[in-house]
Amino acid sequence: MKSNWVKYIFIVFIIAILIFAVLKMREEQQNEQLEEEATSSEEEQVREIRLGIARV
């Protein structure tokens, strides 16, 4: 009977570790997406420069 409880506790512990790992991976992916959005918005801020000859 005691060995069954140890097995169940071990299985719950492994599942908890897997859930924690998945949550960490999702958090890192969200951070990467935020960084990509920030860099893409900076790239879009290109301004035109017009050069011309002034009339006298």
PDB file of N, CA and C in Angstrom:
ATOM      1  N   MET A   1       0.822  -1.189   0.000  1.00  0.00           N
ATOM      2  CA  MET A   1       0.000   0.000   0.000  1.00  0.00           C
ATOM      3  C   MET A   1       0.869   1.257   0.000  1.00  0.00           C
ATOM      4  N   LYS A   2       1.927   1.235   0.783  1.00  0.00           N
ATOM      5  CA  LYS A   2       2.789   2.407   0.880  1.00  0.00           C
ATOM      6  C   LYS A   2       3.500   2.663  -0.454  1.00  0.00           C
ATOM      7  N   SER A   3       3.900   1.634  -1.151  1.00  0.00           N
ATOM      8  CA  SER A   3       4.605   1.803  -2.411  1.00  0.00           C
ATOM      9  C   SER A   3       3.698   2.436  -3.465  1.00  0.00           C
ATOM     10  N   ASN A   4       2.395   2.179  -3.422  1.00  0.00           N
ATOM     11  CA  ASN A   4       1.472   2.807  -4.357  1.00  0.00           C
ATOM     12  C   ASN A   4       1.446   4.315  -4.165  1.00  0.00           C
ATOM     13  N   TRP A   5       1.458   4.771  -2.918  1.00  0.00           N
ATOM     14  CA  TRP A   5       1.451   6.213  -2.649  1.00  0.00           C
ATOM     15  C   TRP A   5       2.725   6.867  -3.165  1.00  0.00           C
ATOM     16  N   VAL A   6       3.824   6.186  -3.026  1.00  0.00           N
ATOM     17  CA  VAL A   6       5.095   6.719  -3.514  1.00  0.00           C
ATOM     18  C   VAL A   6       5.051   6.862  -5.030  1.00  0.00           C
ATOM     19  N   LYS A   7       4.486   5.889  -5.704  1.00  0.00           N
ATOM     20  CA  LYS A   7       4.354   5.962  -7.156  1.00  0.00           C
ATOM     21  C   LYS A   7       3.490   7.145  -7.567  1.00  0.00           C
ATOM     22  N   TYR A   8       2.357   7.321  -6.884  1.00  0.00           N
ATOM     23  CA  TYR A   8       1.452   8.426  -7.217  1.00  0.00           C
ATOM     24  C   TYR A   8       2.098   9.780  -6.976  1.00  0.00           C
ATOM     25  N   ILE A   9       2.800   9.894  -5.872  1.00  0.00           N
ATOM     26  CA  ILE A   9       3.485  11.150  -5.568  1.00  0.00           C
ATOM     27  C   ILE A   9       4.561  11.427  -6.612  1.00  0.00           C
ATOM     28  N   PHE A  10       5.286  10.410  -7.020  1.00  0.00           N
ATOM     29  CA  PHE A  10       6.322  10.568  -8.041  1.00  0.00           C
ATOM     30  C   PHE A  10       5.705  11.008  -9.368  1.00  0.00           C
ATOM     31  N   ILE A  11       4.598  10.398  -9.757  1.00  0.00           N
ATOM     32  CA  ILE A  11       3.930  10.763 -11.017  1.00  0.00           C
ATOM     33  C   ILE A  11       3.430  12.199 -10.961  1.00  0.00           C
ATOM     34  N   VAL A  12       2.843  12.619  -9.866  1.00  0.00           N
ATOM     35  CA  VAL A  12       2.370  13.999  -9.714  1.00  0.00           C
ATOM     36  C   VAL A  12       3.547  14.963  -9.779  1.00  0.00           C
ATOM     37  N   PHE A  13       4.657  14.598  -9.180  1.00  0.00           N
ATOM     38  CA  PHE A  13       5.850  15.435  -9.199  1.00  0.00           C
ATOM     39  C   PHE A  13       6.371  15.605 -10.625  1.00  0.00           C
ATOM     40  N   ILE A  14       6.411  14.537 -11.404  1.00  0.00           N
ATOM     41  CA  ILE A  14       6.874  14.590 -12.795  1.00  0.00           C
ATOM     42  C   ILE A  14       5.928  15.464 -13.626  1.00  0.00           C
ATOM     43  N   ILE A  15       4.625  15.306 -13.429  1.00  0.00           N
ATOM     44  CA  ILE A  15       3.654  16.120 -14.172  1.00  0.00           C
ATOM     45  C   ILE A  15       3.828  17.593 -13.826  1.00  0.00           C
ATOM     46  N   ALA A  16       4.061  17.906 -12.577  1.00  0.00           N
ATOM     47  CA  ALA A  16       4.264  19.294 -12.166  1.00  0.00           C
ATOM     48  C   ALA A  16       5.505  19.885 -12.835  1.00  0.00           C
ATOM     49  N   ILE A  17       6.565  19.118 -12.930  1.00  0.00           N
ATOM     50  CA  ILE A  17       7.785  19.584 -13.591  1.00  0.00           C
ATOM     51  C   ILE A  17       7.522  19.843 -15.073  1.00  0.00           C
ATOM     52  N   LEU A  18       6.777  18.950 -15.728  1.00  0.00           N
ATOM     53  CA  LEU A  18       6.458  19.134 -17.141  1.00  0.00           C
ATOM     54  C   LEU A  18       5.613  20.395 -17.366  1.00  0.00           C
ATOM     55  N   ILE A  19       4.626  20.616 -16.512  1.00  0.00           N
ATOM     56  CA  ILE A  19       3.791  21.817 -16.634  1.00  0.00           C
ATOM     57  C   ILE A  19       4.638  23.072 -16.445  1.00  0.00           C
ATOM     58  N   PHE A  20       5.527  23.061 -15.470  1.00  0.00           N
ATOM     59  CA  PHE A  20       6.399  24.206 -15.220  1.00  0.00           C
ATOM     60  C   PHE A  20       7.284  24.484 -16.431  1.00  0.00           C
ATOM     61  N   ALA A  21       7.817  23.431 -17.059  1.00  0.00           N
ATOM     62  CA  ALA A  21       8.680  23.602 -18.234  1.00  0.00           C
ATOM     63  C   ALA A  21       7.893  24.189 -19.401  1.00  0.00           C
ATOM     64  N   VAL A  22       6.684  23.725 -19.620  1.00  0.00           N
ATOM     65  CA  VAL A  22       5.860  24.241 -20.712  1.00  0.00           C
ATOM     66  C   VAL A  22       5.536  25.712 -20.485  1.00  0.00           C
ATOM     67  N   LEU A  23       5.203  26.073 -19.271  1.00  0.00           N
ATOM     68  CA  LEU A  23       4.885  27.474 -18.968  1.00  0.00           C
ATOM     69  C   LEU A  23       6.105  28.374 -19.188  1.00  0.00           C
ATOM     70  N   LYS A  24       7.272  27.915 -18.808  1.00  0.00           N
ATOM     71  CA  LYS A  24       8.498  28.697 -19.019  1.00  0.00           C
ATOM     72  C   LYS A  24       8.766  28.887 -20.506  1.00  0.00           C
ATOM     73  N   MET A  25       8.569  27.838 -21.304  1.00  0.00           N
ATOM     74  CA  MET A  25       8.806  27.934 -22.739  1.00  0.00           C
ATOM     75  C   MET A  25       7.837  28.919 -23.387  1.00  0.00           C
ATOM     76  N   ARG A  26       6.582  28.893 -22.987  1.00  0.00           N
ATOM     77  CA  ARG A  26       5.597  29.833 -23.534  1.00  0.00           C
ATOM     78  C   ARG A  26       5.952  31.269 -23.154  1.00  0.00           C
ATOM     79  N   GLU A  27       6.409  31.467 -21.929  1.00  0.00           N
ATOM     80  CA  GLU A  27       6.791  32.813 -21.480  1.00  0.00           C
ATOM     81  C   GLU A  27       7.959  33.340 -22.312  1.00  0.00           C
ATOM     82  N   GLU A  28       8.938  32.483 -22.590  1.00  0.00           N
ATOM     83  CA  GLU A  28      10.077  32.894 -23.404  1.00  0.00           C
ATOM     84  C   GLU A  28       9.652  33.213 -24.833  1.00  0.00           C
ATOM     85  N   GLN A  29       8.724  32.445 -25.386  1.00  0.00           N
ATOM     86  CA  GLN A  29       8.239  32.707 -26.739  1.00  0.00           C
ATOM     87  C   GLN A  29       7.513  34.045 -26.800  1.00  0.00           C
ATOM     88  N   GLN A  30       6.741  34.362 -25.774  1.00  0.00           N
ATOM     89  CA  GLN A  30       6.038  35.643 -25.750  1.00  0.00           C
ATOM     90  C   GLN A  30       7.031  36.794 -25.659  1.00  0.00           C
ATOM     91  N   ASN A  31       8.078  36.632 -24.880  1.00  0.00           N
ATOM     92  CA  ASN A  31       9.096  37.671 -24.765  1.00  0.00           C
ATOM     93  C   ASN A  31       9.800  37.883 -26.105  1.00  0.00           C
ATOM     94  N   GLU A  32      10.079  36.794 -26.823  1.00  0.00           N
ATOM     95  CA  GLU A  32      10.725  36.908 -28.133  1.00  0.00           C
ATOM     96  C   GLU A  32       9.811  37.628 -29.120  1.00  0.00           C
ATOM     97  N   GLN A  33       8.522  37.347 -29.069  1.00  0.00           N
ATOM     98  CA  GLN A  33       7.582  37.997 -29.966  1.00  0.00           C
ATOM     99  C   GLN A  33       7.504  39.494 -29.674  1.00  0.00           C
ATOM    100  N   LEU A  34       7.536  39.860 -28.407  1.00  0.00           N
ATOM    101  CA  LEU A  34       7.499  41.283 -28.042  1.00  0.00           C
ATOM    102  C   LEU A  34       8.748  41.997 -28.539  1.00  0.00           C
ATOM    103  N   GLU A  35       9.893  41.331 -28.435  1.00  0.00           N
ATOM    104  CA  GLU A  35      11.136  41.929 -28.912  1.00  0.00           C
ATOM    105  C   GLU A  35      11.107  42.093 -30.430  1.00  0.00           C
ATOM    106  N   GLU A  36      10.560  41.114 -31.145  1.00  0.00           N
ATOM    107  CA  GLU A  36      10.474  41.194 -32.597  1.00  0.00           C
ATOM    108  C   GLU A  36       9.549  42.329 -33.019  1.00  0.00           C
ATOM    109  N   GLU A  37       8.444  42.517 -32.312  1.00  0.00           N
ATOM    110  CA  GLU A  37       7.521  43.604 -32.624  1.00  0.00           C
ATOM    111  C   GLU A  37       8.192  44.952 -32.390  1.00  0.00           C
ATOM    112  N   ALA A  38       8.981  45.053 -31.345  1.00  0.00           N
ATOM    113  CA  ALA A  38       9.658  46.313 -31.045  1.00  0.00           C
ATOM    114  C   ALA A  38      10.685  46.639 -32.123  1.00  0.00           C
ATOM    115  N   THR A  39      11.425  45.652 -32.579  1.00  0.00           N
ATOM    116  CA  THR A  39      12.426  45.909 -33.608  1.00  0.00           C
ATOM    117  C   THR A  39      11.773  46.214 -34.946  1.00  0.00           C
ATOM    118  N   SER A  40      10.669  45.567 -35.258  1.00  0.00           N
ATOM    119  CA  SER A  40      10.007  45.832 -36.533  1.00  0.00           C
ATOM    120  C   SER A  40       9.395  47.223 -36.547  1.00  0.00           C
ATOM    121  N   SER A  41       8.908  47.691 -35.413  1.00  0.00           N
ATOM    122  CA  SER A  41       8.336  49.032 -35.380  1.00  0.00           C
ATOM    123  C   SER A  41       9.430  50.089 -35.520  1.00  0.00           C
ATOM    124  N   GLU A  42      10.623  49.801 -35.031  1.00  0.00           N
ATOM    125  CA  GLU A  42      11.725  50.736 -35.190  1.00  0.00           C
ATOM    126  C   GLU A  42      12.180  50.797 -36.643  1.00  0.00           C
ATOM    127  N   GLU A  43      12.118  49.700 -37.344  1.00  0.00           N
ATOM    128  CA  GLU A  43      12.532  49.667 -38.734  1.00  0.00           C
ATOM    129  C   GLU A  43      11.561  50.425 -39.623  1.00  0.00           C
ATOM    130  N   GLU A  44      10.310  50.510 -39.251  1.00  0.00           N
ATOM    131  CA  GLU A  44       9.307  51.167 -40.059  1.00  0.00           C
ATOM    132  C   GLU A  44       9.388  52.689 -39.973  1.00  0.00           C
ATOM    133  N   GLN A  45      10.186  53.245 -39.110  1.00  0.00           N
ATOM    134  CA  GLN A  45      10.250  54.679 -38.906  1.00  0.00           C
ATOM    135  C   GLN A  45      11.294  55.335 -39.819  1.00  0.00           C
ATOM    136  N   VAL A  46      11.362  54.912 -41.048  1.00  0.00           N
ATOM    137  CA  VAL A  46      12.282  55.496 -42.011  1.00  0.00           C
ATOM    138  C   VAL A  46      11.600  56.723 -42.608  1.00  0.00           C
ATOM    139  N   ARG A  47      12.335  57.820 -42.724  1.00  0.00           N
ATOM    140  CA  ARG A  47      11.754  59.052 -43.248  1.00  0.00           C
ATOM    141  C   ARG A  47      12.387  59.393 -44.586  1.00  0.00           C
ATOM    142  N   GLU A  48      11.628  60.068 -45.403  1.00  0.00           N
ATOM    143  CA  GLU A  48      12.133  60.449 -46.717  1.00  0.00           C
ATOM    144  C   GLU A  48      12.987  61.708 -46.604  1.00  0.00           C
ATOM    145  N   ILE A  49      14.011  61.736 -47.408  1.00  0.00           N
ATOM    146  CA  ILE A  49      14.850  62.931 -47.499  1.00  0.00           C
ATOM    147  C   ILE A  49      14.802  63.382 -48.956  1.00  0.00           C
ATOM    148  N   ARG A  50      14.334  64.597 -49.161  1.00  0.00           N
ATOM    149  CA  ARG A  50      14.235  65.111 -50.527  1.00  0.00           C
ATOM    150  C   ARG A  50      15.322  66.153 -50.746  1.00  0.00           C
ATOM    151  N   LEU A  51      16.049  65.941 -51.782  1.00  0.00           N
ATOM    152  CA  LEU A  51      17.113  66.890 -52.129  1.00  0.00           C
ATOM    153  C   LEU A  51      16.704  67.575 -53.424  1.00  0.00           C
ATOM    154  N   GLY A  52      16.966  68.836 -53.484  1.00  0.00           N
ATOM    155  CA  GLY A  52      16.603  69.557 -54.687  1.00  0.00           C
ATOM    156  C   GLY A  52      17.466  70.809 -54.834  1.00  0.00           C
ATOM    157  N   ILE A  53      17.340  71.433 -55.972  1.00  0.00           N
ATOM    158  CA  ILE A  53      18.087  72.666 -56.244  1.00  0.00           C
ATOM    159  C   ILE A  53      17.167  73.842 -56.000  1.00  0.00           C
ATOM    160  N   ALA A  54      17.617  74.764 -55.186  1.00  0.00           N
ATOM    161  CA  ALA A  54      16.796  75.931 -54.888  1.00  0.00           C
ATOM    162  C   ALA A  54      16.825  76.893 -56.063  1.00  0.00           C
ATOM    163  N   ARG A  55      15.680  77.486 -56.365  1.00  0.00           N
ATOM    164  CA  ARG A  55      15.611  78.470 -57.449  1.00  0.00           C
ATOM    165  C   ARG A  55      15.979  79.838 -56.895  1.00  0.00           C
ATOM    166  N   VAL A  56      16.740  80.557 -57.692  1.00  0.00           N
ATOM    167  CA  VAL A  56      17.179  81.871 -57.251  1.00  0.00           C
ATOM    168  C   VAL A  56      16.386  82.958 -57.921  1.00  0.00           C
TER     169      VAL A  56
END
